Structure formats: C-alpha cells, structure tokens
Amino acid sequence: MKTREEAYEIICDLNEEAHAATYDEWEEAEAMEDEDPDMAEEMREDASYNQAREFREAFQVLMPEDQEAVLHYVKHDEDFAEEFNAWWGEEDA
C-alpha cells in the first residue's frame, strides 16, 4: 500500500494534468472578466466542470493499486477525501 503522501502526490498530479488540459478555458474566462463578469463566471464554471471530468477520466486509467491506495485514504482520511472530492467534482446526472 502506498503512503498517504504517495497517494496525495498521485491526485495532485492528476489535478495538474486536468488543469493543463483545460488551461485555455480558464484563460478565456479570465480574459472575459472585464468585458462581461457574468459570462466569465459561467465560463469558469464550465472550465471547472471540464477539469473535474478530466480528473475523473485520468483516475479511471490509473493502475489498480494506485486507485486502491487513493480510495483507501479517501475513506479513512477526512482532509484527503475533502480535497479529492473537490477535484472529482460532480458527475453528469
């Protein structure tokens, strides 16, 4: 079993990859802020949703032992779970 720190590094890496995949969306939202703050907020919500989707997809292709370690800490460590769940986001209904 991986340590908490190793599992945390895995989810941090996933989140960084997900952010990189949606970087242009975040930049477009930032650029829209002065022109139309409401539209910028909608764009940020879309970017956040898409980043969470990228995170979930990347998690699904992790090695099973990495998934198991992460889920162990999600289940047994409240702080770890809080951060993981924030990055996981809401799934499609």
Protein backbone atom coordinates (compact mmCIF):
# COMPACT_ATOMS: atom_id res chain seq x y z
CA MET A 1 0.00 0.00 0.00
CA LYS A 2 1.24 3.44 -0.87
CA THR A 3 1.72 6.00 1.85
CA ARG A 4 -0.67 8.90 2.24
CA GLU A 5 1.96 11.21 0.76
CA GLU A 6 2.38 8.97 -2.29
CA ALA A 7 -1.38 8.78 -2.79
CA TYR A 8 -1.67 12.55 -2.36
CA GLU A 9 1.05 13.07 -4.96
CA ILE A 10 -0.95 10.90 -7.37
CA ILE A 11 -4.09 13.01 -7.03
CA CYS A 12 -2.12 16.26 -7.18
CA ASP A 13 -0.54 15.10 -10.43
CA LEU A 14 -3.95 14.15 -11.81
CA ASN A 15 -5.33 17.56 -10.92
CA GLU A 16 -2.37 19.34 -12.51
CA GLU A 17 -2.83 17.30 -15.70
CA ALA A 18 -6.56 18.06 -15.68
CA HIS A 19 -5.86 21.77 -15.21
CA ALA A 20 -3.33 21.73 -18.05
CA ALA A 21 -5.92 20.07 -20.30
CA THR A 22 -8.41 22.86 -19.58
CA TYR A 23 -5.92 25.73 -19.31
CA ASP A 24 -7.24 27.53 -22.39
CA GLU A 25 -10.76 27.52 -20.96
CA TRP A 26 -9.54 29.09 -17.72
CA GLU A 27 -7.59 31.72 -19.69
CA GLU A 28 -10.61 32.60 -21.82
CA ALA A 29 -12.73 33.05 -18.70
CA GLU A 30 -10.10 35.32 -17.16
CA ALA A 31 -9.92 37.39 -20.36
CA MET A 32 -13.71 37.82 -20.30
CA GLU A 33 -13.77 39.15 -16.72
CA ASP A 34 -13.57 42.89 -17.57
CA GLU A 35 -15.91 42.67 -20.54
CA ASP A 36 -18.68 40.51 -19.04
CA PRO A 37 -18.21 39.29 -15.45
CA ASP A 38 -21.34 37.13 -15.55
CA MET A 39 -20.19 35.38 -18.72
CA ALA A 40 -16.72 34.98 -17.19
CA GLU A 41 -18.26 33.24 -14.18
CA GLU A 42 -20.20 30.88 -16.44
CA MET A 43 -17.02 30.14 -18.34
CA ARG A 44 -15.18 29.41 -15.08
CA GLU A 45 -17.96 27.01 -14.04
CA ASP A 46 -17.63 25.24 -17.40
CA ALA A 47 -13.84 25.07 -17.06
CA SER A 48 -14.18 23.70 -13.53
CA TYR A 49 -16.65 21.06 -14.68
CA ASN A 50 -14.40 20.06 -17.57
CA GLN A 51 -11.35 19.95 -15.32
CA ALA A 52 -13.19 17.62 -12.92
CA ARG A 53 -14.19 15.41 -15.87
CA GLU A 54 -10.55 15.24 -16.98
CA PHE A 55 -9.55 14.35 -13.40
CA ARG A 56 -12.13 11.53 -13.24
CA GLU A 57 -11.08 10.15 -16.60
CA ALA A 58 -7.40 10.17 -15.60
CA PHE A 59 -8.23 8.46 -12.31
CA GLN A 60 -10.05 5.68 -14.16
CA VAL A 61 -6.89 4.74 -16.10
CA LEU A 62 -4.59 4.63 -13.07
CA MET A 63 -3.05 1.32 -12.14
CA PRO A 64 -5.49 -0.61 -9.90
CA GLU A 65 -3.09 -0.47 -6.93
CA ASP A 66 -2.88 3.33 -7.26
CA GLN A 67 -6.66 3.62 -7.39
CA GLU A 68 -6.93 1.35 -4.36
CA ALA A 69 -4.46 3.44 -2.36
CA VAL A 70 -6.20 6.69 -3.21
CA LEU A 71 -9.63 5.28 -2.35
CA HIS A 72 -8.27 3.92 0.93
CA TYR A 73 -7.25 7.42 2.01
CA VAL A 74 -10.50 8.91 0.68
CA LYS A 75 -12.31 6.51 3.00
CA HIS A 76 -10.05 6.90 6.04
CA ASP A 77 -8.71 10.48 5.93
CA GLU A 78 -11.19 13.34 6.03
CA ASP A 79 -8.78 16.00 4.75
CA PHE A 80 -7.61 13.78 1.91
CA ALA A 81 -11.21 12.98 0.99
CA GLU A 82 -12.21 16.64 1.02
CA GLU A 83 -9.52 17.57 -1.48
CA PHE A 84 -10.09 14.51 -3.66
CA ASN A 85 -13.85 15.13 -3.77
CA ALA A 86 -13.34 18.79 -4.68
CA TRP A 87 -11.18 17.76 -7.64
CA TRP A 88 -13.51 14.87 -8.57
CA GLY A 89 -16.39 17.34 -8.88
CA GLU A 90 -19.95 16.50 -9.78
CA GLU A 91 -20.57 13.82 -12.36
CA ASP A 92 -23.13 14.02 -15.15
CA ALA A 93 -26.67 13.35 -14.00
